[in-house]
Amino acid sequence: MSQETGGPDDDHVVHVGRQPIYDRDGAVIAHELLFRAGATASTASRRDAHATARVLVAAFTEFGLAEVCGGRVCFINLTRDFLTGRLPLPFDCSQAVLEVLETTDVDEEVLAGVRALAEQGYTIALDDFVFGSSHERLLEVATYVKIDMLHADEAAVRATVVNCRLHPHLQLIAERLETPEALDLAMSLGFEFFQGHILGRPHVSSTVALAPSRLTRLRVMAALSTEDVDLDELVGLVGQDAGLSMRLLRATNAASFGLNRTVSSIRDTIVALGLTRLRQWVTLMLVADLTEADPEQLSDLLIRARCCQLLAEAGGLPGEPAYIGGLLSAVADLFDEPADRVLTGVPLDATLTEALLTGGGPLGAVLAAVRAYTAPGGGAGPRALPPAATDPAALASLYLNAVCWTNATLSDLSAELRHTGPDRVTLDG
C-alpha cells in the first residue's frame, strides 16, 4: 500500500511495518511488510533502494521471513532496482509475494524483470491497480491485484473488478478499507482478500471501565516495571487476583513446565516462573481481557511493547519500564482513549507516568518514536532519540527482533493456555 511521497528528511529512515491481510472469513492469511526509506515515500531514489536492500539483507538473514510473519504469507513492496534485478532478493520464491507499486513505470526493463521473477517462481502482486496504466502489461504474470478502496468511485471499482475477472487466474485484494461501507462493497463485489484499518480496530464508544481484577493486573504490571522488584508486594498483588493466581499455579505445576517439584504458594509460583515469564503471563491476560483483542491485535500490542524495551536498552535506558510503557500506551491507543483514563488507579513510577502522560524525558522520546514507527504509515521523527532510533537498519532490526520475540512468546503461551484450560484468553487464528 503506497503513501504520498515524503519530504527530504524521509530518506534518513527506513520504515518497517506489518499490516495483516484477511480472507472472507476474517482470518489473517498474510502480512504486508513495508520497507521504505521514508515513512511516507512511495517512490524510491537510488539511495532509498540501497537503504531498503541493507534492511532486507540484514534483517532476513538474521531473522528469516518465516519467523517475522509467523508462518503466514508475506507481501513485500519492492523498488525498481529489485524488480529489474539490479539488486538481489535475499529470500527464495516460496517466502514472499512481490508487490509492484503503482508508482513504478512498467517500461520494457521492468516488464522483462518481473517476467523473469515470475519464471523463477516468485508470486507477483500489483498494488493500487487501475486500468489504463502501464501495469496492465503485468496482468499476465500477476497472481494478486490490489484495488484501493479509500475514496474510490464505486463505478470505477466495479469496472476494474469486471475487467480483472476476464483474467480467471487473478485474485483480488481490497486495500485501504477504512469504513464499513467500503468493506460491504468489497464483499459484495466478490473480493477474495481484504486489508485496511476497519478490520483491525475495535469500536469503543465509551470510556474504559476497569474491573477490580483488571486493575489488579495493571498494578502487577506496574510492580514488575521497577528495577528492584519488591517480592513481598508482588506476592500480595498476585494473591488479590484469584484467576491469575490459579492459572499461574496450574502453569508451574504442569508436567510440561519441567519442574522436579510442585509449588503450593504464590511466592513459590513467582520464584519458579521467574519475573520474565510472570510478566509475559500478566501481559497476555491483561491485554486480552482489557481489549478483548484478537490474536493480530494482541500481537501488535506486544510488538510495540518489546520494541520500546529494545530501543530503550539500546540507548542505555532501563528496558522493563519501557516495555510496560509501550504496552500501556498501545492499550490506550487501541481504546482510542487518553492515557490518563487507562492509567487511573495504577501506581506507576513517576518517570513512567511522565513519559506516558506528557511524553517527557528520555523514556517519553522512546515511546513516541516507537509509537510513530509502528503506526500505519509512521516513522520516527527528528527528535532526541537513542542512536538506534535514527539508524535506519538498526531500527528496522529492533522492530523485526520484536516481531520474532512476539511470535515465539505467543506460541509458547498459547501451548500453556491449552494445557491449563480456558480463562477468557484465546490465541487461535
Protein backbone atom coordinates (compact mmCIF):
# COMPACT_ATOMS: atom_id res chain seq x y z
CA MET A 1 0.00 0.00 0.00
CA SER A 2 1.57 3.24 -1.06
CA GLN A 3 1.52 6.67 0.52
CA GLU A 4 2.29 10.16 -0.74
CA THR A 5 5.89 10.94 -1.48
CA GLY A 6 7.65 12.26 1.62
CA GLY A 7 9.92 15.23 2.17
CA PRO A 8 13.70 15.42 2.14
CA ASP A 9 14.09 14.25 5.74
CA ASP A 10 12.29 10.99 4.99
CA ASP A 11 15.24 9.34 3.24
CA HIS A 12 17.10 9.03 6.54
CA VAL A 13 14.68 6.46 7.98
CA VAL A 14 13.78 3.04 6.64
CA HIS A 15 10.24 2.17 7.62
CA VAL A 16 9.39 -1.41 8.50
CA GLY A 17 5.84 -2.37 9.35
CA ARG A 18 3.36 -5.23 9.18
CA GLN A 19 -0.23 -4.96 8.01
CA PRO A 20 -2.49 -8.02 8.01
CA ILE A 21 -4.45 -9.29 5.02
CA TYR A 22 -7.69 -11.16 5.76
CA ASP A 23 -9.79 -13.70 3.89
CA ARG A 24 -13.59 -13.59 3.60
CA ASP A 25 -13.98 -15.42 6.92
CA GLY A 26 -11.93 -12.79 8.75
CA ALA A 27 -8.84 -14.96 9.23
CA VAL A 28 -5.37 -13.43 8.79
CA ILE A 29 -3.79 -15.18 5.82
CA ALA A 30 -0.83 -12.91 5.14
CA HIS A 31 1.10 -9.84 6.26
CA GLU A 32 2.32 -6.99 4.12
CA LEU A 33 5.80 -5.83 5.11
CA LEU A 34 6.76 -2.28 4.25
CA PHE A 35 10.36 -1.30 3.53
CA ARG A 36 10.81 2.33 2.52
CA ALA A 37 13.49 4.93 3.07
CA GLY A 38 10.73 7.37 4.06
CA ALA A 39 7.76 6.72 6.26
CA THR A 40 5.53 8.27 3.60
CA ALA A 41 7.61 7.61 0.48
CA SER A 42 6.14 5.59 -2.36
CA THR A 43 8.81 6.24 -4.94
CA ALA A 44 12.42 5.33 -4.34
CA SER A 45 15.63 7.08 -5.22
CA ARG A 46 18.85 5.13 -5.70
CA ARG A 47 19.71 5.99 -2.12
CA ASP A 48 16.33 4.67 -0.96
CA ALA A 49 16.83 1.38 -2.78
CA HIS A 50 20.18 0.75 -1.14
CA ALA A 51 18.73 1.55 2.28
CA THR A 52 15.96 -0.96 1.62
CA ALA A 53 18.50 -3.52 0.43
CA ARG A 54 20.52 -3.10 3.61
CA VAL A 55 17.45 -3.78 5.73
CA LEU A 56 16.33 -6.77 3.67
CA VAL A 57 19.70 -8.46 3.74
CA ALA A 58 20.49 -7.72 7.39
CA ALA A 59 17.04 -8.46 8.76
CA PHE A 60 16.14 -11.55 6.79
CA THR A 61 19.47 -13.27 7.01
CA GLU A 62 19.31 -12.79 10.78
CA PHE A 63 15.62 -13.46 11.48
CA GLY A 64 14.07 -15.20 8.47
CA LEU A 65 10.74 -14.40 6.87
CA ALA A 66 9.00 -17.37 8.49
CA GLU A 67 9.78 -16.00 11.94
CA VAL A 68 8.83 -12.44 11.06
CA CYS A 69 5.45 -13.41 9.59
CA GLY A 70 4.67 -16.27 11.95
CA GLY A 71 4.48 -18.79 9.13
CA ARG A 72 1.99 -16.78 7.06
CA VAL A 73 2.45 -15.46 3.53
CA CYS A 74 4.50 -12.28 3.30
CA PHE A 75 3.82 -9.43 0.84
CA ILE A 76 6.74 -7.07 0.18
CA ASN A 77 6.77 -3.75 -1.68
CA LEU A 78 9.80 -3.60 -3.94
CA THR A 79 11.53 -0.72 -5.66
CA ARG A 80 12.53 -0.69 -9.32
CA ASP A 81 16.08 -1.86 -8.62
CA PHE A 82 14.81 -5.11 -7.13
CA LEU A 83 12.23 -5.69 -9.86
CA THR A 84 14.82 -5.27 -12.62
CA GLY A 85 17.44 -7.45 -10.95
CA ARG A 86 19.94 -4.67 -10.25
CA LEU A 87 19.69 -5.59 -6.58
CA PRO A 88 19.29 -9.20 -5.43
CA LEU A 89 16.42 -10.61 -3.35
CA PRO A 90 17.75 -12.28 -0.17
CA PHE A 91 14.94 -14.87 0.00
CA ASP A 92 13.64 -17.59 -2.28
CA CYS A 93 10.37 -17.63 -4.18
CA SER A 94 8.48 -19.64 -1.55
CA GLN A 95 8.88 -16.97 1.12
CA ALA A 96 7.23 -13.84 -0.26
CA VAL A 97 4.80 -12.21 -2.67
CA LEU A 98 6.43 -9.35 -4.58
CA GLU A 99 4.33 -6.17 -4.86
CA VAL A 100 4.81 -3.84 -7.80
CA LEU A 101 3.96 -0.32 -6.59
CA GLU A 102 1.61 1.75 -8.72
CA THR A 103 4.28 4.47 -8.93
CA THR A 104 6.64 2.13 -10.80
CA ASP A 105 6.63 2.81 -14.53
CA VAL A 106 6.31 -0.57 -16.24
CA ASP A 107 8.66 0.01 -19.14
CA GLU A 108 10.44 -2.72 -21.09
CA GLU A 109 13.12 -3.17 -18.43
CA VAL A 110 10.61 -3.60 -15.59
CA LEU A 111 8.39 -5.85 -17.71
CA ALA A 112 11.33 -8.12 -18.51
CA GLY A 113 12.49 -8.13 -14.89
CA VAL A 114 9.07 -9.02 -13.45
CA ARG A 115 8.59 -11.75 -16.07
CA ALA A 116 11.95 -13.19 -15.12
CA LEU A 117 11.00 -13.17 -11.42
CA ALA A 118 7.71 -14.91 -12.23
CA GLU A 119 9.57 -17.54 -14.26
CA GLN A 120 11.79 -18.13 -11.21
CA GLY A 121 8.65 -18.95 -9.24
CA TYR A 122 8.03 -15.65 -7.44
CA THR A 123 4.39 -14.64 -6.93
CA ILE A 124 3.55 -11.17 -8.21
CA ALA A 125 1.00 -8.67 -6.88
CA LEU A 126 0.00 -5.36 -8.47
CA ASP A 127 -0.54 -2.57 -5.94
CA ASP A 128 -3.25 0.13 -6.31
CA PHE A 129 -4.16 -1.21 -9.72
CA VAL A 130 -6.18 0.87 -12.18
CA PHE A 131 -6.95 0.13 -15.80
CA GLY A 132 -5.35 2.37 -18.37
CA SER A 133 -1.96 2.29 -16.64
CA SER A 134 1.23 0.57 -17.74
CA HIS A 135 0.58 -2.10 -15.12
CA GLU A 136 -1.92 -3.80 -17.43
CA ARG A 137 1.15 -5.31 -19.11
CA LEU A 138 1.80 -7.32 -15.94
CA LEU A 139 -1.66 -8.91 -15.59
CA GLU A 140 -0.49 -12.00 -17.45
CA VAL A 141 2.15 -12.79 -14.79
CA ALA A 142 0.39 -11.44 -11.69
CA THR A 143 -1.45 -13.58 -9.15
CA TYR A 144 -2.92 -10.80 -6.99
CA VAL A 145 -4.39 -7.43 -7.90
CA LYS A 146 -4.86 -4.89 -5.09
CA ILE A 147 -7.54 -2.23 -5.55
CA ASP A 148 -7.57 0.93 -3.44
CA MET A 149 -10.97 1.38 -1.76
CA LEU A 150 -10.26 4.67 0.05
CA HIS A 151 -12.36 7.45 -1.51
CA ALA A 152 -12.83 5.18 -4.50
CA ASP A 153 -15.55 5.80 -7.07
CA GLU A 154 -17.92 2.84 -6.88
CA ALA A 155 -18.49 2.72 -10.63
CA ALA A 156 -14.75 2.73 -11.29
CA VAL A 157 -14.18 -0.05 -8.75
CA ARG A 158 -16.93 -2.15 -10.31
CA ALA A 159 -15.47 -1.66 -13.78
CA THR A 160 -11.99 -2.63 -12.56
CA VAL A 161 -13.34 -5.80 -10.95
CA VAL A 162 -15.24 -6.75 -14.10
CA ASN A 163 -12.12 -6.30 -16.24
CA CYS A 164 -9.93 -8.23 -13.80
CA ARG A 165 -12.40 -11.14 -13.86
CA LEU A 166 -11.59 -11.52 -17.56
CA HIS A 167 -8.33 -13.00 -16.26
CA PRO A 168 -9.52 -16.04 -14.23
CA HIS A 169 -6.13 -16.60 -12.59
CA LEU A 170 -6.25 -13.27 -10.73
CA GLN A 171 -7.27 -12.94 -7.08
CA LEU A 172 -8.44 -9.54 -5.87
CA ILE A 173 -7.42 -7.76 -2.65
CA ALA A 174 -9.42 -4.76 -1.45
CA GLU A 175 -6.98 -2.44 0.34
CA ARG A 176 -7.25 0.76 2.38
CA LEU A 177 -10.61 -0.29 3.77
CA GLU A 178 -11.49 2.29 6.40
CA THR A 179 -15.29 2.35 6.53
CA PRO A 180 -17.99 -0.32 6.93
CA GLU A 181 -19.48 0.84 3.62
CA ALA A 182 -16.21 0.19 1.76
CA LEU A 183 -15.92 -3.25 3.33
CA ASP A 184 -19.52 -4.10 2.43
CA LEU A 185 -18.90 -3.02 -1.18
CA ALA A 186 -15.75 -5.14 -1.41
CA MET A 187 -17.58 -8.17 -0.01
CA SER A 188 -20.48 -7.71 -2.43
CA LEU A 189 -18.11 -7.45 -5.40
CA GLY A 190 -16.53 -10.80 -4.54
CA PHE A 191 -13.04 -9.74 -3.48
CA GLU A 192 -11.10 -12.72 -2.17
CA PHE A 193 -9.00 -10.81 0.38
CA PHE A 194 -9.19 -7.61 2.45
CA GLN A 195 -6.79 -5.15 4.04
CA GLY A 196 -7.37 -1.96 6.00
CA HIS A 197 -7.86 -0.28 9.35
CA ILE A 198 -11.56 -1.17 9.59
CA LEU A 199 -10.62 -4.81 10.06
CA GLY A 200 -8.12 -4.32 12.86
CA ARG A 201 -9.56 -1.67 15.16
CA PRO A 202 -12.16 -2.33 17.86
CA HIS A 203 -15.12 0.02 18.10
CA VAL A 204 -15.11 1.74 21.51
CA SER A 205 -17.95 4.11 22.29
CA SER A 206 -17.34 4.86 25.98
CA THR A 207 -14.55 5.39 28.45
CA VAL A 208 -12.50 2.48 29.78
CA ALA A 209 -14.03 0.84 32.85
CA LEU A 210 -11.61 -1.39 34.71
CA ALA A 211 -12.99 -4.27 36.74
CA PRO A 212 -11.18 -4.96 40.02
CA SER A 213 -9.29 -7.94 38.57
CA ARG A 214 -8.13 -5.86 35.62
CA LEU A 215 -6.99 -3.06 37.88
CA THR A 216 -5.06 -5.58 39.96
CA ARG A 217 -3.29 -6.88 36.88
CA LEU A 218 -2.35 -3.34 35.89
CA ARG A 219 -0.89 -2.90 39.36
CA VAL A 220 1.04 -6.16 39.00
CA MET A 221 2.44 -4.84 35.71
CA ALA A 222 3.41 -1.61 37.44
CA ALA A 223 5.19 -3.54 40.21
CA LEU A 224 7.05 -5.56 37.58
CA SER A 225 8.21 -2.39 35.81
CA THR A 226 10.58 -1.29 38.59
CA GLU A 227 14.27 -2.13 38.52
CA ASP A 228 14.18 -3.62 42.04
CA VAL A 229 11.02 -5.69 42.23
CA ASP A 230 9.56 -5.96 45.73
CA LEU A 231 8.74 -9.67 46.00
CA ASP A 232 6.51 -9.22 49.06
CA GLU A 233 4.47 -6.54 47.26
CA LEU A 234 4.24 -8.72 44.17
CA VAL A 235 3.05 -11.74 46.15
CA GLY A 236 0.36 -9.60 47.76
CA LEU A 237 -0.86 -8.20 44.45
CA VAL A 238 -0.97 -11.58 42.69
CA GLY A 239 -2.82 -13.02 45.67
CA GLN A 240 -5.60 -10.46 45.17
CA ASP A 241 -6.40 -11.92 41.72
CA ALA A 242 -7.84 -15.41 42.07
CA GLY A 243 -7.91 -16.07 38.35
CA LEU A 244 -4.28 -15.05 37.87
CA SER A 245 -3.18 -17.00 40.95
CA MET A 246 -4.86 -20.22 39.85
CA ARG A 247 -3.57 -20.00 36.30
CA LEU A 248 -0.01 -19.40 37.46
CA LEU A 249 -0.23 -22.29 39.91
CA ARG A 250 -1.52 -24.63 37.21
CA ALA A 251 1.15 -23.45 34.78
CA THR A 252 4.01 -24.12 37.19
CA ASN A 253 2.56 -27.47 38.27
CA ALA A 254 2.16 -28.62 34.67
CA ALA A 255 4.40 -31.50 33.72
CA SER A 256 5.49 -29.62 30.61
CA PHE A 257 6.99 -26.89 32.78
CA GLY A 258 9.88 -29.17 33.65
CA LEU A 259 9.91 -28.77 37.44
CA ASN A 260 11.07 -31.58 39.69
CA ARG A 261 8.64 -30.49 42.41
CA THR A 262 5.25 -28.87 42.62
CA VAL A 263 4.52 -25.45 44.08
CA SER A 264 1.86 -24.67 46.64
CA SER A 265 2.07 -20.93 47.28
CA ILE A 266 2.03 -17.67 45.35
CA ARG A 267 5.61 -16.97 46.42
CA ASP A 268 6.78 -20.39 45.21
CA THR A 269 4.95 -19.81 41.95
CA ILE A 270 6.59 -16.45 41.29
CA VAL A 271 10.03 -17.81 42.15
CA ALA A 272 9.51 -20.87 39.94
CA LEU A 273 8.23 -18.91 36.97
CA GLY A 274 10.72 -16.07 37.24
CA LEU A 275 9.90 -12.44 36.63
CA THR A 276 10.20 -12.65 32.86
CA ARG A 277 7.64 -15.45 32.49
CA LEU A 278 5.38 -13.85 35.09
CA ARG A 279 5.48 -10.60 33.14
CA GLN A 280 4.54 -12.46 29.97
CA TRP A 281 1.58 -14.17 31.64
CA VAL A 282 0.25 -11.00 33.20
CA THR A 283 0.72 -9.13 29.93
CA LEU A 284 -1.17 -11.77 27.98
CA MET A 285 -4.06 -11.94 30.43
CA LEU A 286 -4.25 -8.19 30.94
CA VAL A 287 -4.24 -7.22 27.29
CA ALA A 288 -6.58 -9.97 26.14
CA ASP A 289 -9.02 -9.22 28.96
CA LEU A 290 -8.81 -5.43 28.70
CA THR A 291 -9.19 -5.19 24.97
CA GLU A 292 -10.85 -8.47 24.04
CA ALA A 293 -8.12 -8.32 21.42
CA ASP A 294 -7.97 -10.78 18.58
CA PRO A 295 -4.63 -12.52 18.00
CA GLU A 296 -3.46 -9.95 15.46
CA GLN A 297 -4.21 -7.01 17.76
CA LEU A 298 -2.58 -8.77 20.70
CA SER A 299 0.50 -9.42 18.58
CA ASP A 300 0.72 -5.75 17.58
CA LEU A 301 0.47 -4.64 21.22
CA LEU A 302 3.28 -6.94 22.32
CA ILE A 303 5.47 -5.99 19.36
CA ARG A 304 5.19 -2.35 20.34
CA ALA A 305 6.00 -3.08 24.00
CA ARG A 306 9.02 -5.21 23.10
CA CYS A 307 10.25 -2.66 20.56
CA CYS A 308 10.13 0.04 23.25
CA GLN A 309 12.16 -2.19 25.55
CA LEU A 310 14.81 -2.91 22.92
CA LEU A 311 15.10 0.72 21.83
CA ALA A 312 15.43 1.89 25.44
CA GLU A 313 18.13 -0.66 26.18
CA ALA A 314 19.99 0.31 23.01
CA GLY A 315 20.07 3.86 24.38
CA GLY A 316 21.27 2.85 27.83
CA LEU A 317 17.84 3.19 29.49
CA PRO A 318 16.15 0.53 31.67
CA GLY A 319 14.21 -1.84 29.46
CA GLU A 320 11.40 -3.01 31.73
CA PRO A 321 9.76 0.40 32.31
CA ALA A 322 9.93 0.97 28.56
CA TYR A 323 8.22 -2.39 27.97
CA ILE A 324 5.41 -1.55 30.38
CA GLY A 325 5.14 1.96 28.96
CA GLY A 326 4.92 0.65 25.40
CA LEU A 327 2.24 -1.83 26.39
CA LEU A 328 0.09 0.68 28.27
CA SER A 329 0.38 3.35 25.58
CA ALA A 330 -0.64 0.74 22.99
CA VAL A 331 -3.67 -0.25 25.09
CA ALA A 332 -4.69 3.42 25.32
CA ASP A 333 -4.38 3.77 21.54
CA LEU A 334 -6.38 0.59 20.99
CA PHE A 335 -9.18 2.02 23.12
CA ASP A 336 -8.72 5.42 21.45
CA GLU A 337 -8.67 6.86 24.96
CA PRO A 338 -6.28 9.30 26.68
CA ALA A 339 -3.59 7.52 28.63
CA ASP A 340 -4.67 9.15 31.89
CA ARG A 341 -8.03 7.38 31.73
CA VAL A 342 -6.45 3.99 31.18
CA LEU A 343 -3.93 4.59 33.98
CA THR A 344 -6.41 5.79 36.61
CA GLY A 345 -5.66 3.99 39.87
CA VAL A 346 -2.41 2.45 38.64
CA PRO A 347 0.57 3.44 40.85
CA LEU A 348 3.23 3.80 38.18
CA ASP A 349 6.73 5.13 38.72
CA ALA A 350 6.85 8.92 38.30
CA THR A 351 9.24 8.72 35.34
CA LEU A 352 6.98 6.26 33.53
CA THR A 353 3.88 8.31 34.31
CA GLU A 354 5.52 11.43 32.89
CA ALA A 355 6.55 9.56 29.75
CA LEU A 356 3.03 8.21 29.20
CA LEU A 357 1.06 11.34 30.03
CA THR A 358 3.27 14.14 28.70
CA GLY A 359 5.85 12.40 26.51
CA GLY A 360 8.56 13.93 28.68
CA GLY A 361 12.04 12.65 29.38
CA PRO A 362 14.20 10.12 27.52
CA LEU A 363 11.60 7.39 28.05
CA GLY A 364 8.93 9.63 26.57
CA ALA A 365 11.06 10.07 23.46
CA VAL A 366 11.42 6.29 23.15
CA LEU A 367 7.67 5.71 23.50
CA ALA A 368 6.93 8.43 20.93
CA ALA A 369 9.46 7.06 18.45
CA VAL A 370 8.11 3.52 18.60
CA ARG A 371 4.50 4.71 18.53
CA ALA A 372 5.21 6.67 15.34
CA TYR A 373 7.30 3.91 13.81
CA THR A 374 4.73 1.15 14.34
CA ALA A 375 1.73 3.24 13.27
CA PRO A 376 0.38 2.72 9.73
CA GLY A 377 2.48 4.95 7.51
CA GLY A 378 4.50 6.05 10.54
CA GLY A 379 8.17 6.70 11.06
CA ALA A 380 10.48 8.01 13.75
CA GLY A 381 10.70 11.77 13.69
CA PRO A 382 13.75 14.01 14.17
CA ARG A 383 13.73 14.01 18.00
CA ALA A 384 16.47 13.48 20.56
CA LEU A 385 16.38 9.71 20.34
CA PRO A 386 18.77 6.82 21.08
CA PRO A 387 21.16 6.16 18.18
CA ALA A 388 19.25 3.03 17.18
CA ALA A 389 16.15 5.16 16.55
CA THR A 390 17.95 7.28 13.99
CA ASP A 391 19.90 4.49 12.30
CA PRO A 392 17.53 3.01 9.67
CA ALA A 393 18.96 -0.51 9.66
CA ALA A 394 19.26 -0.65 13.45
CA LEU A 395 15.67 0.48 13.99
CA ALA A 396 14.40 -1.99 11.43
CA SER A 397 16.40 -4.75 13.10
CA LEU A 398 14.93 -3.88 16.52
CA TYR A 399 11.43 -3.99 15.06
CA LEU A 400 11.94 -7.37 13.43
CA ASN A 401 13.55 -8.68 16.62
CA ALA A 402 10.37 -7.62 18.47
CA VAL A 403 8.20 -9.36 15.87
CA CYS A 404 10.12 -12.62 16.20
CA TRP A 405 10.08 -12.44 20.00
CA THR A 406 6.32 -11.83 20.00
CA ASN A 407 5.63 -14.74 17.65
CA ALA A 408 7.69 -17.07 19.84
CA THR A 409 6.13 -15.77 23.08
CA LEU A 410 2.55 -16.13 21.85
CA SER A 411 3.31 -19.60 20.52
CA ASP A 412 4.73 -20.71 23.88
CA LEU A 413 1.95 -19.15 25.93
CA SER A 414 -0.73 -20.49 23.61
CA ALA A 415 0.54 -24.02 24.27
CA GLU A 416 0.47 -23.41 28.02
CA LEU A 417 -3.03 -21.92 27.82
CA ARG A 418 -4.31 -25.02 26.05
CA HIS A 419 -2.70 -27.15 28.75
CA THR A 420 -4.06 -25.23 31.72
CA GLY A 421 -7.57 -24.54 30.44
CA PRO A 422 -9.62 -21.51 29.35
CA ASP A 423 -9.57 -18.15 31.10
CA ARG A 424 -11.16 -15.79 28.56
CA VAL A 425 -7.90 -15.70 26.63
CA THR A 426 -7.92 -17.15 23.12
CA LEU A 427 -4.97 -17.29 20.76
CA ASP A 428 -6.42 -19.33 17.92
CA GLY A 429 -6.49 -17.87 14.44
